[in-house]
């Protein structure tokens, strides 16, 4: 196998003589859930993959595309006999989904998720799952398109995945989930749930909210619905993330409310500063602010993970 830019550990873990997972259950067959299924299938990581989704077309497409072997309308049926369950549903649906599947989980089954908010997920797993079996996770990968047809077996190659287990989580459960993400090509980091939520409120949640707000402001203008005729690359690039799934981002905003409100306040302050400089015709001040922002953007992605994150799998 040619590894290319993939880490050496990826090569080692995808050449296992036996599957990493006997039966994988994927609850939610959208972009991320379906990409996990394809990635596991392509690398021989599991003997059987079962899936479930509330959208009938997603279930049909997932079987047709080879994402899963079997697709069920009922999540409880999908998780029967699974040794690893991946919850790939909106954050607001995770607790109700756990309540539905817990009575049907085999003894020792490990449950993880892919949500962008970890505090509420960690609390729900602690409350609802057998002790030590829940491992909250967040793969930092995605696209603006959704559904099984948008999925890719290579989506997670070179991406990061953050795990936020509690102190009571079974180390063997953490190791199993870490091994899954490393096997599909990700670098795995570990941090506290509250740290994760503060970081992602700034670097992910706020940018999405700003993009949605900008589009709302433009569409509110007279003739704003015709902006496509004049919009250039700048608007398209900046607002790209506003194409993301509205239900998912509704749930993220509500689940990570306090950190997001804090970041919105900071952003409003930054906008107010720029407005004051423009009003005062302070060209030098504007240039300094823009130069600082440009330098930060040029360095984006080269910084260290903060908040005492623990690197794994390097």
C-alpha atoms as a PDB file:
ATOM      1  CA  UNK A   1       0.000   0.000   0.000  1.00  0.00           C
ATOM      2  CA  UNK A   2       1.276   3.427  -0.914  1.00  0.00           C
ATOM      3  CA  UNK A   3       0.896   5.772   2.030  1.00  0.00           C
ATOM      4  CA  UNK A   4       1.666   9.088   0.318  1.00  0.00           C
ATOM      5  CA  UNK A   5       1.126  11.829   2.879  1.00  0.00           C
ATOM      6  CA  UNK A   6      -0.570   9.505   5.356  1.00  0.00           C
ATOM      7  CA  UNK A   7       1.191   8.911   8.660  1.00  0.00           C
ATOM      8  CA  UNK A   8       3.106   5.651   9.151  1.00  0.00           C
ATOM      9  CA  UNK A   9       0.674   4.626  11.889  1.00  0.00           C
ATOM     10  CA  UNK A  10      -2.115   4.725   9.311  1.00  0.00           C
ATOM     11  CA  UNK A  11      -0.278   2.112   7.266  1.00  0.00           C
ATOM     12  CA  UNK A  12       0.301  -0.078  10.306  1.00  0.00           C
ATOM     13  CA  UNK A  13      -3.267  -0.016  11.554  1.00  0.00           C
ATOM     14  CA  UNK A  14      -4.875  -0.653   8.181  1.00  0.00           C
ATOM     15  CA  UNK A  15      -2.804  -3.771   7.597  1.00  0.00           C
ATOM     16  CA  UNK A  16      -4.241  -5.629  10.596  1.00  0.00           C
ATOM     17  CA  UNK A  17      -4.639  -9.381  10.174  1.00  0.00           C
ATOM     18  CA  UNK A  18      -8.076  -9.162  11.792  1.00  0.00           C
ATOM     19  CA  UNK A  19     -10.762  -6.439  11.851  1.00  0.00           C
ATOM     20  CA  UNK A  20     -10.470  -3.668  14.408  1.00  0.00           C
ATOM     21  CA  UNK A  21     -14.249  -3.812  14.953  1.00  0.00           C
ATOM     22  CA  UNK A  22     -16.471  -6.868  14.681  1.00  0.00           C
ATOM     23  CA  UNK A  23     -19.742  -4.991  14.141  1.00  0.00           C
ATOM     24  CA  UNK A  24     -19.910  -1.230  13.742  1.00  0.00           C
ATOM     25  CA  UNK A  25     -23.254   0.540  14.109  1.00  0.00           C
ATOM     26  CA  UNK A  26     -23.568   4.018  12.597  1.00  0.00           C
ATOM     27  CA  UNK A  27     -26.502   6.063  13.826  1.00  0.00           C
ATOM     28  CA  UNK A  28     -26.958   8.853  11.290  1.00  0.00           C
ATOM     29  CA  UNK A  29     -25.996   8.270   7.655  1.00  0.00           C
ATOM     30  CA  UNK A  30     -25.137  11.810   6.649  1.00  0.00           C
ATOM     31  CA  UNK A  31     -21.767  13.022   5.392  1.00  0.00           C
ATOM     32  CA  UNK A  32     -19.686  12.134   8.452  1.00  0.00           C
ATOM     33  CA  UNK A  33     -21.391   8.867   9.389  1.00  0.00           C
ATOM     34  CA  UNK A  34     -21.334   7.626   5.797  1.00  0.00           C
ATOM     35  CA  UNK A  35     -17.696   8.672   5.352  1.00  0.00           C
ATOM     36  CA  UNK A  36     -16.753   6.651   8.431  1.00  0.00           C
ATOM     37  CA  UNK A  37     -18.541   3.659   6.941  1.00  0.00           C
ATOM     38  CA  UNK A  38     -16.752   4.018   3.593  1.00  0.00           C
ATOM     39  CA  UNK A  39     -13.384   4.575   5.286  1.00  0.00           C
ATOM     40  CA  UNK A  40     -13.805   1.448   7.422  1.00  0.00           C
ATOM     41  CA  UNK A  41     -14.963  -0.561   4.416  1.00  0.00           C
ATOM     42  CA  UNK A  42     -12.040   0.546   2.249  1.00  0.00           C
ATOM     43  CA  UNK A  43      -9.522  -0.369   4.942  1.00  0.00           C
ATOM     44  CA  UNK A  44     -11.050  -3.637   6.143  1.00  0.00           C
ATOM     45  CA  UNK A  45     -11.531  -2.325   9.661  1.00  0.00           C
ATOM     46  CA  UNK A  46     -14.776  -4.125  10.443  1.00  0.00           C
ATOM     47  CA  UNK A  47     -16.560  -7.363   9.599  1.00  0.00           C
ATOM     48  CA  UNK A  48     -20.018  -5.834   9.436  1.00  0.00           C
ATOM     49  CA  UNK A  49     -21.445  -2.312   9.341  1.00  0.00           C
ATOM     50  CA  UNK A  50     -25.030  -1.572  10.282  1.00  0.00           C
ATOM     51  CA  UNK A  51     -26.647   1.810   9.937  1.00  0.00           C
ATOM     52  CA  UNK A  52     -29.768   3.765  10.704  1.00  0.00           C
ATOM     53  CA  UNK A  53     -31.172   7.123   9.654  1.00  0.00           C
ATOM     54  CA  UNK A  54     -34.518   8.870   9.937  1.00  0.00           C
ATOM     55  CA  UNK A  55     -34.369   9.721   6.208  1.00  0.00           C
ATOM     56  CA  UNK A  56     -35.439   6.695   4.119  1.00  0.00           C
ATOM     57  CA  UNK A  57     -33.403   7.841   1.082  1.00  0.00           C
ATOM     58  CA  UNK A  58     -30.261   7.943   3.219  1.00  0.00           C
ATOM     59  CA  UNK A  59     -30.798   4.349   4.265  1.00  0.00           C
ATOM     60  CA  UNK A  60     -31.322   3.247   0.674  1.00  0.00           C
ATOM     61  CA  UNK A  61     -28.331   5.174  -0.640  1.00  0.00           C
ATOM     62  CA  UNK A  62     -26.070   3.929   2.156  1.00  0.00           C
ATOM     63  CA  UNK A  63     -26.754   0.308   1.208  1.00  0.00           C
ATOM     64  CA  UNK A  64     -26.413   0.993  -2.523  1.00  0.00           C
ATOM     65  CA  UNK A  65     -23.075   2.787  -2.039  1.00  0.00           C
ATOM     66  CA  UNK A  66     -21.661   0.131   0.287  1.00  0.00           C
ATOM     67  CA  UNK A  67     -21.556   2.424   3.295  1.00  0.00           C
ATOM     68  CA  UNK A  68     -23.381  -0.204   5.360  1.00  0.00           C
ATOM     69  CA  UNK A  69     -24.325  -3.844   4.958  1.00  0.00           C
ATOM     70  CA  UNK A  70     -27.762  -3.339   6.471  1.00  0.00           C
ATOM     71  CA  UNK A  71     -29.807  -0.215   7.165  1.00  0.00           C
ATOM     72  CA  UNK A  72     -32.620   0.015   9.703  1.00  0.00           C
ATOM     73  CA  UNK A  73     -35.347   2.548  10.358  1.00  0.00           C
ATOM     74  CA  UNK A  74     -35.022   1.855  14.101  1.00  0.00           C
ATOM     75  CA  UNK A  75     -31.759   2.763  15.839  1.00  0.00           C
ATOM     76  CA  UNK A  76     -32.386   0.086  18.456  1.00  0.00           C
ATOM     77  CA  UNK A  77     -32.255  -2.623  15.788  1.00  0.00           C
ATOM     78  CA  UNK A  78     -29.085  -1.172  14.259  1.00  0.00           C
ATOM     79  CA  UNK A  79     -27.064  -1.330  17.492  1.00  0.00           C
ATOM     80  CA  UNK A  80     -27.922  -4.912  18.426  1.00  0.00           C
ATOM     81  CA  UNK A  81     -24.730  -6.960  18.597  1.00  0.00           C
ATOM     82  CA  UNK A  82     -22.466  -3.960  17.913  1.00  0.00           C
ATOM     83  CA  UNK A  83     -19.172  -3.658  19.749  1.00  0.00           C
ATOM     84  CA  UNK A  84     -18.753  -0.015  18.654  1.00  0.00           C
ATOM     85  CA  UNK A  85     -21.546   2.520  18.067  1.00  0.00           C
ATOM     86  CA  UNK A  86     -20.920   5.818  16.282  1.00  0.00           C
ATOM     87  CA  UNK A  87     -23.507   8.557  16.827  1.00  0.00           C
ATOM     88  CA  UNK A  88     -23.450  10.842  13.777  1.00  0.00           C
ATOM     89  CA  UNK A  89     -26.622  12.811  14.512  1.00  0.00           C
ATOM     90  CA  UNK A  90     -27.103  16.509  15.379  1.00  0.00           C
ATOM     91  CA  UNK A  91     -25.966  17.368  18.900  1.00  0.00           C
ATOM     92  CA  UNK A  92     -29.517  17.986  20.049  1.00  0.00           C
ATOM     93  CA  UNK A  93     -30.482  14.433  19.062  1.00  0.00           C
ATOM     94  CA  UNK A  94     -27.667  12.671  20.940  1.00  0.00           C
ATOM     95  CA  UNK A  95     -29.295  12.375  24.376  1.00  0.00           C
ATOM     96  CA  UNK A  96     -32.653  11.142  22.977  1.00  0.00           C
ATOM     97  CA  UNK A  97     -30.764   8.684  20.770  1.00  0.00           C
ATOM     98  CA  UNK A  98     -28.814   7.360  23.743  1.00  0.00           C
ATOM     99  CA  UNK A  99     -32.042   6.882  25.675  1.00  0.00           C
ATOM    100  CA  UNK A 100     -33.434   4.896  22.749  1.00  0.00           C
ATOM    101  CA  UNK A 101     -30.459   2.591  22.207  1.00  0.00           C
ATOM    102  CA  UNK A 102     -29.100   1.987  25.721  1.00  0.00           C
ATOM    103  CA  UNK A 103     -31.477  -0.897  26.513  1.00  0.00           C
ATOM    104  CA  UNK A 104     -30.335  -2.633  23.315  1.00  0.00           C
ATOM    105  CA  UNK A 105     -26.558  -2.216  23.648  1.00  0.00           C
ATOM    106  CA  UNK A 106     -24.521  -5.403  24.151  1.00  0.00           C
ATOM    107  CA  UNK A 107     -22.455  -5.621  27.295  1.00  0.00           C
ATOM    108  CA  UNK A 108     -19.120  -3.880  26.788  1.00  0.00           C
ATOM    109  CA  UNK A 109     -20.166  -1.934  23.686  1.00  0.00           C
ATOM    110  CA  UNK A 110     -18.309   1.360  23.269  1.00  0.00           C
ATOM    111  CA  UNK A 111     -20.251   4.452  22.163  1.00  0.00           C
ATOM    112  CA  UNK A 112     -18.700   7.513  20.551  1.00  0.00           C
ATOM    113  CA  UNK A 113     -19.979  10.477  18.564  1.00  0.00           C
ATOM    114  CA  UNK A 114     -18.889  13.114  16.046  1.00  0.00           C
ATOM    115  CA  UNK A 115     -20.565  16.243  17.437  1.00  0.00           C
ATOM    116  CA  UNK A 116     -19.020  19.714  17.388  1.00  0.00           C
ATOM    117  CA  UNK A 117     -19.994  20.394  21.024  1.00  0.00           C
ATOM    118  CA  UNK A 118     -18.629  18.115  23.719  1.00  0.00           C
ATOM    119  CA  UNK A 119     -19.771  19.345  27.133  1.00  0.00           C
ATOM    120  CA  UNK A 120     -23.421  18.352  26.720  1.00  0.00           C
ATOM    121  CA  UNK A 121     -22.457  15.110  24.987  1.00  0.00           C
ATOM    122  CA  UNK A 122     -20.013  14.081  27.714  1.00  0.00           C
ATOM    123  CA  UNK A 123     -22.665  14.802  30.362  1.00  0.00           C
ATOM    124  CA  UNK A 124     -25.284  12.768  28.493  1.00  0.00           C
ATOM    125  CA  UNK A 125     -22.936   9.827  28.065  1.00  0.00           C
ATOM    126  CA  UNK A 126     -22.001   9.915  31.753  1.00  0.00           C
ATOM    127  CA  UNK A 127     -25.658   9.992  32.725  1.00  0.00           C
ATOM    128  CA  UNK A 128     -27.104   7.433  30.333  1.00  0.00           C
ATOM    129  CA  UNK A 129     -24.430   4.890  29.355  1.00  0.00           C
ATOM    130  CA  UNK A 130     -22.925   2.068  31.396  1.00  0.00           C
ATOM    131  CA  UNK A 131     -19.935   3.397  33.341  1.00  0.00           C
ATOM    132  CA  UNK A 132     -16.829   4.064  31.293  1.00  0.00           C
ATOM    133  CA  UNK A 133     -18.225   3.116  27.878  1.00  0.00           C
ATOM    134  CA  UNK A 134     -18.807   6.576  26.350  1.00  0.00           C
ATOM    135  CA  UNK A 135     -16.023   8.372  24.471  1.00  0.00           C
ATOM    136  CA  UNK A 136     -17.091  11.774  23.083  1.00  0.00           C
ATOM    137  CA  UNK A 137     -15.318  12.635  19.849  1.00  0.00           C
ATOM    138  CA  UNK A 138     -15.134  15.353  17.213  1.00  0.00           C
ATOM    139  CA  UNK A 139     -13.464  14.727  13.830  1.00  0.00           C
ATOM    140  CA  UNK A 140     -12.351  18.048  12.354  1.00  0.00           C
ATOM    141  CA  UNK A 141     -13.451  17.286   8.813  1.00  0.00           C
ATOM    142  CA  UNK A 142     -16.433  17.994   6.644  1.00  0.00           C
ATOM    143  CA  UNK A 143     -17.980  19.590   3.613  1.00  0.00           C
ATOM    144  CA  UNK A 144     -20.961  21.821   2.986  1.00  0.00           C
ATOM    145  CA  UNK A 145     -22.750  18.999   1.157  1.00  0.00           C
ATOM    146  CA  UNK A 146     -24.549  16.275   3.084  1.00  0.00           C
ATOM    147  CA  UNK A 147     -25.898  12.754   2.800  1.00  0.00           C
ATOM    148  CA  UNK A 148     -24.341   9.428   1.758  1.00  0.00           C
ATOM    149  CA  UNK A 149     -23.667  10.575  -1.809  1.00  0.00           C
ATOM    150  CA  UNK A 150     -21.386  13.333  -0.501  1.00  0.00           C
ATOM    151  CA  UNK A 151     -19.330  10.884   1.601  1.00  0.00           C
ATOM    152  CA  UNK A 152     -15.714   9.951   0.969  1.00  0.00           C
ATOM    153  CA  UNK A 153     -13.504   7.173   2.298  1.00  0.00           C
ATOM    154  CA  UNK A 154     -10.636   9.698   2.378  1.00  0.00           C
ATOM    155  CA  UNK A 155     -12.416  12.482   4.242  1.00  0.00           C
ATOM    156  CA  UNK A 156     -10.463  12.000   7.476  1.00  0.00           C
ATOM    157  CA  UNK A 157      -6.987  11.480   6.026  1.00  0.00           C
ATOM    158  CA  UNK A 158      -4.692  14.147   7.467  1.00  0.00           C
ATOM    159  CA  UNK A 159      -7.482  15.611   9.606  1.00  0.00           C
ATOM    160  CA  UNK A 160      -7.502  15.976  13.380  1.00  0.00           C
ATOM    161  CA  UNK A 161      -9.962  14.296  15.717  1.00  0.00           C
ATOM    162  CA  UNK A 162     -10.495  15.470  19.299  1.00  0.00           C
ATOM    163  CA  UNK A 163     -11.556  13.033  22.031  1.00  0.00           C
ATOM    164  CA  UNK A 164     -12.946  14.374  25.309  1.00  0.00           C
ATOM    165  CA  UNK A 165     -13.351  11.417  27.689  1.00  0.00           C
ATOM    166  CA  UNK A 166     -14.094  11.886  31.375  1.00  0.00           C
ATOM    167  CA  UNK A 167     -11.853  10.723  34.214  1.00  0.00           C
ATOM    168  CA  UNK A 168     -14.074   7.672  34.641  1.00  0.00           C
ATOM    169  CA  UNK A 169     -13.907   6.550  31.003  1.00  0.00           C
ATOM    170  CA  UNK A 170     -12.415   3.091  30.562  1.00  0.00           C
ATOM    171  CA  UNK A 171      -8.914   3.452  29.030  1.00  0.00           C
ATOM    172  CA  UNK A 172      -9.665   0.451  26.814  1.00  0.00           C
ATOM    173  CA  UNK A 173     -12.699   2.274  25.401  1.00  0.00           C
ATOM    174  CA  UNK A 174     -10.590   5.357  24.679  1.00  0.00           C
ATOM    175  CA  UNK A 175      -7.947   3.190  23.008  1.00  0.00           C
ATOM    176  CA  UNK A 176     -10.545   1.555  20.776  1.00  0.00           C
ATOM    177  CA  UNK A 177     -11.988   4.866  19.581  1.00  0.00           C
ATOM    178  CA  UNK A 178      -8.520   6.368  19.154  1.00  0.00           C
ATOM    179  CA  UNK A 179      -7.499   3.351  17.059  1.00  0.00           C
ATOM    180  CA  UNK A 180     -10.537   3.807  14.794  1.00  0.00           C
ATOM    181  CA  UNK A 181      -9.753   7.433  14.006  1.00  0.00           C
ATOM    182  CA  UNK A 182      -6.067   6.763  13.523  1.00  0.00           C
ATOM    183  CA  UNK A 183      -6.867   3.868  11.217  1.00  0.00           C
ATOM    184  CA  UNK A 184      -8.927   6.100   8.923  1.00  0.00           C
ATOM    185  CA  UNK A 185      -6.056   8.599   8.719  1.00  0.00           C
ATOM    186  CA  UNK A 186      -6.647  11.123  11.514  1.00  0.00           C
ATOM    187  CA  UNK A 187      -4.320  12.596  14.104  1.00  0.00           C
ATOM    188  CA  UNK A 188      -5.990  12.172  17.493  1.00  0.00           C
ATOM    189  CA  UNK A 189      -5.879  14.787  20.254  1.00  0.00           C
ATOM    190  CA  UNK A 190      -7.374  14.611  23.718  1.00  0.00           C
ATOM    191  CA  UNK A 191      -8.664  17.449  25.903  1.00  0.00           C
ATOM    192  CA  UNK A 192     -11.297  18.358  28.460  1.00  0.00           C
ATOM    193  CA  UNK A 193     -14.847  18.894  27.112  1.00  0.00           C
ATOM    194  CA  UNK A 194     -15.081  22.461  28.409  1.00  0.00           C
ATOM    195  CA  UNK A 195     -11.745  23.328  26.820  1.00  0.00           C
ATOM    196  CA  UNK A 196     -12.909  21.898  23.502  1.00  0.00           C
ATOM    197  CA  UNK A 197     -16.102  23.948  23.579  1.00  0.00           C
ATOM    198  CA  UNK A 198     -14.295  27.211  24.329  1.00  0.00           C
ATOM    199  CA  UNK A 199     -11.812  26.641  21.513  1.00  0.00           C
ATOM    200  CA  UNK A 200     -14.379  25.672  18.909  1.00  0.00           C
ATOM    201  CA  UNK A 201     -16.718  28.499  19.840  1.00  0.00           C
ATOM    202  CA  UNK A 202     -13.917  30.762  18.596  1.00  0.00           C
ATOM    203  CA  UNK A 203     -12.464  28.885  15.630  1.00  0.00           C
ATOM    204  CA  UNK A 204     -15.524  27.138  14.211  1.00  0.00           C
ATOM    205  CA  UNK A 205     -18.848  28.175  15.706  1.00  0.00           C
ATOM    206  CA  UNK A 206     -18.368  31.946  15.482  1.00  0.00           C
ATOM    207  CA  UNK A 207     -17.228  31.854  11.811  1.00  0.00           C
ATOM    208  CA  UNK A 208     -20.364  29.927  10.884  1.00  0.00           C
ATOM    209  CA  UNK A 209     -22.587  32.339  12.808  1.00  0.00           C
ATOM    210  CA  UNK A 210     -20.907  35.340  11.165  1.00  0.00           C
ATOM    211  CA  UNK A 211     -21.392  33.782   7.718  1.00  0.00           C
ATOM    212  CA  UNK A 212     -25.074  33.166   8.417  1.00  0.00           C
ATOM    213  CA  UNK A 213     -25.446  36.711   9.758  1.00  0.00           C
ATOM    214  CA  UNK A 214     -23.710  38.244   6.748  1.00  0.00           C
ATOM    215  CA  UNK A 215     -25.966  36.389   4.334  1.00  0.00           C
ATOM    216  CA  UNK A 216     -28.987  37.482   6.374  1.00  0.00           C
ATOM    217  CA  UNK A 217     -27.853  41.120   6.245  1.00  0.00           C
ATOM    218  CA  UNK A 218     -27.352  40.994   2.472  1.00  0.00           C
ATOM    219  CA  UNK A 219     -30.617  39.189   1.782  1.00  0.00           C
ATOM    220  CA  UNK A 220     -32.361  41.841   3.879  1.00  0.00           C
ATOM    221  CA  UNK A 221     -31.278  44.534   1.439  1.00  0.00           C
ATOM    222  CA  UNK A 222     -33.607  45.606  -1.336  1.00  0.00           C
ATOM    223  CA  UNK A 223     -32.775  43.293  -4.220  1.00  0.00           C
ATOM    224  CA  UNK A 224     -30.531  41.222  -2.003  1.00  0.00           C
ATOM    225  CA  UNK A 225     -31.962  37.989  -3.342  1.00  0.00           C
ATOM    226  CA  UNK A 226     -30.312  38.845  -6.683  1.00  0.00           C
ATOM    227  CA  UNK A 227     -26.831  39.141  -5.177  1.00  0.00           C
ATOM    228  CA  UNK A 228     -25.583  36.102  -7.097  1.00  0.00           C
ATOM    229  CA  UNK A 229     -25.386  38.115 -10.299  1.00  0.00           C
ATOM    230  CA  UNK A 230     -22.821  40.498  -8.819  1.00  0.00           C
ATOM    231  CA  UNK A 231     -21.188  38.481  -6.043  1.00  0.00           C
ATOM    232  CA  UNK A 232     -17.501  37.818  -6.499  1.00  0.00           C
ATOM    233  CA  UNK A 233     -15.118  35.291  -5.026  1.00  0.00           C
ATOM    234  CA  UNK A 234     -14.763  37.199  -1.777  1.00  0.00           C
ATOM    235  CA  UNK A 235     -18.386  36.795  -0.768  1.00  0.00           C
ATOM    236  CA  UNK A 236     -18.519  33.218  -2.012  1.00  0.00           C
ATOM    237  CA  UNK A 237     -15.402  32.238  -0.066  1.00  0.00           C
ATOM    238  CA  UNK A 238     -16.417  34.037   3.120  1.00  0.00           C
ATOM    239  CA  UNK A 239     -19.994  32.751   3.151  1.00  0.00           C
ATOM    240  CA  UNK A 240     -19.188  29.185   2.073  1.00  0.00           C
ATOM    241  CA  UNK A 241     -19.878  27.741   5.522  1.00  0.00           C
ATOM    242  CA  UNK A 242     -23.382  29.256   5.500  1.00  0.00           C
ATOM    243  CA  UNK A 243     -24.230  26.335   3.205  1.00  0.00           C
ATOM    244  CA  UNK A 244     -23.896  23.984   6.193  1.00  0.00           C
ATOM    245  CA  UNK A 245     -26.904  22.105   7.557  1.00  0.00           C
ATOM    246  CA  UNK A 246     -29.240  24.500   9.454  1.00  0.00           C
ATOM    247  CA  UNK A 247     -30.461  21.855  11.936  1.00  0.00           C
ATOM    248  CA  UNK A 248     -26.931  20.876  12.879  1.00  0.00           C
ATOM    249  CA  UNK A 249     -25.920  24.493  13.464  1.00  0.00           C
ATOM    250  CA  UNK A 250     -29.088  25.310  15.367  1.00  0.00           C
ATOM    251  CA  UNK A 251     -28.206  22.510  17.784  1.00  0.00           C
ATOM    252  CA  UNK A 252     -24.570  23.593  18.055  1.00  0.00           C
ATOM    253  CA  UNK A 253     -25.575  27.162  18.938  1.00  0.00           C
ATOM    254  CA  UNK A 254     -27.982  26.037  21.634  1.00  0.00           C
ATOM    255  CA  UNK A 255     -25.680  23.355  23.063  1.00  0.00           C
ATOM    256  CA  UNK A 256     -22.621  25.632  23.262  1.00  0.00           C
ATOM    257  CA  UNK A 257     -24.577  28.741  24.209  1.00  0.00           C
ATOM    258  CA  UNK A 258     -22.312  30.444  26.761  1.00  0.00           C
ATOM    259  CA  UNK A 259     -18.953  30.127  24.939  1.00  0.00           C
ATOM    260  CA  UNK A 260     -20.603  31.214  21.687  1.00  0.00           C
ATOM    261  CA  UNK A 261     -22.232  34.257  23.291  1.00  0.00           C
ATOM    262  CA  UNK A 262     -18.863  35.186  24.772  1.00  0.00           C
ATOM    263  CA  UNK A 263     -17.249  35.034  21.318  1.00  0.00           C
ATOM    264  CA  UNK A 264     -20.094  36.981  19.721  1.00  0.00           C
ATOM    265  CA  UNK A 265     -19.458  39.705  22.308  1.00  0.00           C
ATOM    266  CA  UNK A 266     -15.764  39.784  21.403  1.00  0.00           C
ATOM    267  CA  UNK A 267     -16.619  39.944  17.714  1.00  0.00           C
ATOM    268  CA  UNK A 268     -19.100  42.754  18.264  1.00  0.00           C
ATOM    269  CA  UNK A 269     -16.381  44.661  20.097  1.00  0.00           C
ATOM    270  CA  UNK A 270     -13.966  44.159  17.202  1.00  0.00           C
ATOM    271  CA  UNK A 271     -16.594  45.342  14.715  1.00  0.00           C
ATOM    272  CA  UNK A 272     -17.329  48.380  16.867  1.00  0.00           C
ATOM    273  CA  UNK A 273     -13.633  49.279  16.928  1.00  0.00           C
ATOM    274  CA  UNK A 274     -13.473  49.112  13.129  1.00  0.00           C
ATOM    275  CA  UNK A 275     -16.671  51.151  12.804  1.00  0.00           C
ATOM    276  CA  UNK A 276     -15.202  53.839  15.071  1.00  0.00           C
ATOM    277  CA  UNK A 277     -12.002  53.990  13.012  1.00  0.00           C
ATOM    278  CA  UNK A 278     -13.956  54.257   9.762  1.00  0.00           C
ATOM    279  CA  UNK A 279     -16.154  56.978  11.251  1.00  0.00           C
ATOM    280  CA  UNK A 280     -13.076  58.900  12.439  1.00  0.00           C
ATOM    281  CA  UNK A 281     -11.333  58.361   9.087  1.00  0.00           C
ATOM    282  CA  UNK A 282      -8.482  56.716  11.009  1.00  0.00           C
ATOM    283  CA  UNK A 283      -6.640  55.211   8.056  1.00  0.00           C
ATOM    284  CA  UNK A 284      -3.520  54.366  10.052  1.00  0.00           C
ATOM    285  CA  UNK A 285      -5.525  52.515  12.684  1.00  0.00           C
ATOM    286  CA  UNK A 286      -7.413  50.540  10.043  1.00  0.00           C
ATOM    287  CA  UNK A 287      -4.202  49.616   8.271  1.00  0.00           C
ATOM    288  CA  UNK A 288      -2.648  48.376  11.508  1.00  0.00           C
ATOM    289  CA  UNK A 289      -5.714  46.266  12.347  1.00  0.00           C
ATOM    290  CA  UNK A 290      -5.844  44.807   8.839  1.00  0.00           C
ATOM    291  CA  UNK A 291      -2.113  44.067   8.815  1.00  0.00           C
ATOM    292  CA  UNK A 292      -2.357  42.261  12.157  1.00  0.00           C
ATOM    293  CA  UNK A 293      -5.328  40.238  10.932  1.00  0.00           C
ATOM    294  CA  UNK A 294      -3.560  39.405   7.684  1.00  0.00           C
ATOM    295  CA  UNK A 295      -0.480  38.164   9.522  1.00  0.00           C
ATOM    296  CA  UNK A 296      -2.640  36.008  11.767  1.00  0.00           C
ATOM    297  CA  UNK A 297      -4.461  34.564   8.768  1.00  0.00           C
ATOM    298  CA  UNK A 298      -1.174  33.734   7.065  1.00  0.00           C
ATOM    299  CA  UNK A 299      -0.122  31.773  10.155  1.00  0.00           C
ATOM    300  CA  UNK A 300      -3.456  29.990  10.499  1.00  0.00           C
ATOM    301  CA  UNK A 301      -2.974  26.336  11.268  1.00  0.00           C
ATOM    302  CA  UNK A 302       0.651  26.704  12.366  1.00  0.00           C
ATOM    303  CA  UNK A 303      -0.043  27.304  16.043  1.00  0.00           C
ATOM    304  CA  UNK A 304      -0.072  24.873  18.955  1.00  0.00           C
ATOM    305  CA  UNK A 305      -3.214  23.359  20.405  1.00  0.00           C
ATOM    306  CA  UNK A 306      -4.022  25.128  23.638  1.00  0.00           C
ATOM    307  CA  UNK A 307      -5.798  24.393  26.889  1.00  0.00           C
ATOM    308  CA  UNK A 308      -3.518  21.524  27.898  1.00  0.00           C
ATOM    309  CA  UNK A 309      -4.482  19.350  24.969  1.00  0.00           C
ATOM    310  CA  UNK A 310      -2.721  16.016  24.878  1.00  0.00           C
ATOM    311  CA  UNK A 311      -1.361  14.839  21.545  1.00  0.00           C
ATOM    312  CA  UNK A 312      -2.018  11.230  20.685  1.00  0.00           C
ATOM    313  CA  UNK A 313      -0.912   8.904  17.955  1.00  0.00           C
ATOM    314  CA  UNK A 314       2.085  10.729  16.590  1.00  0.00           C
END
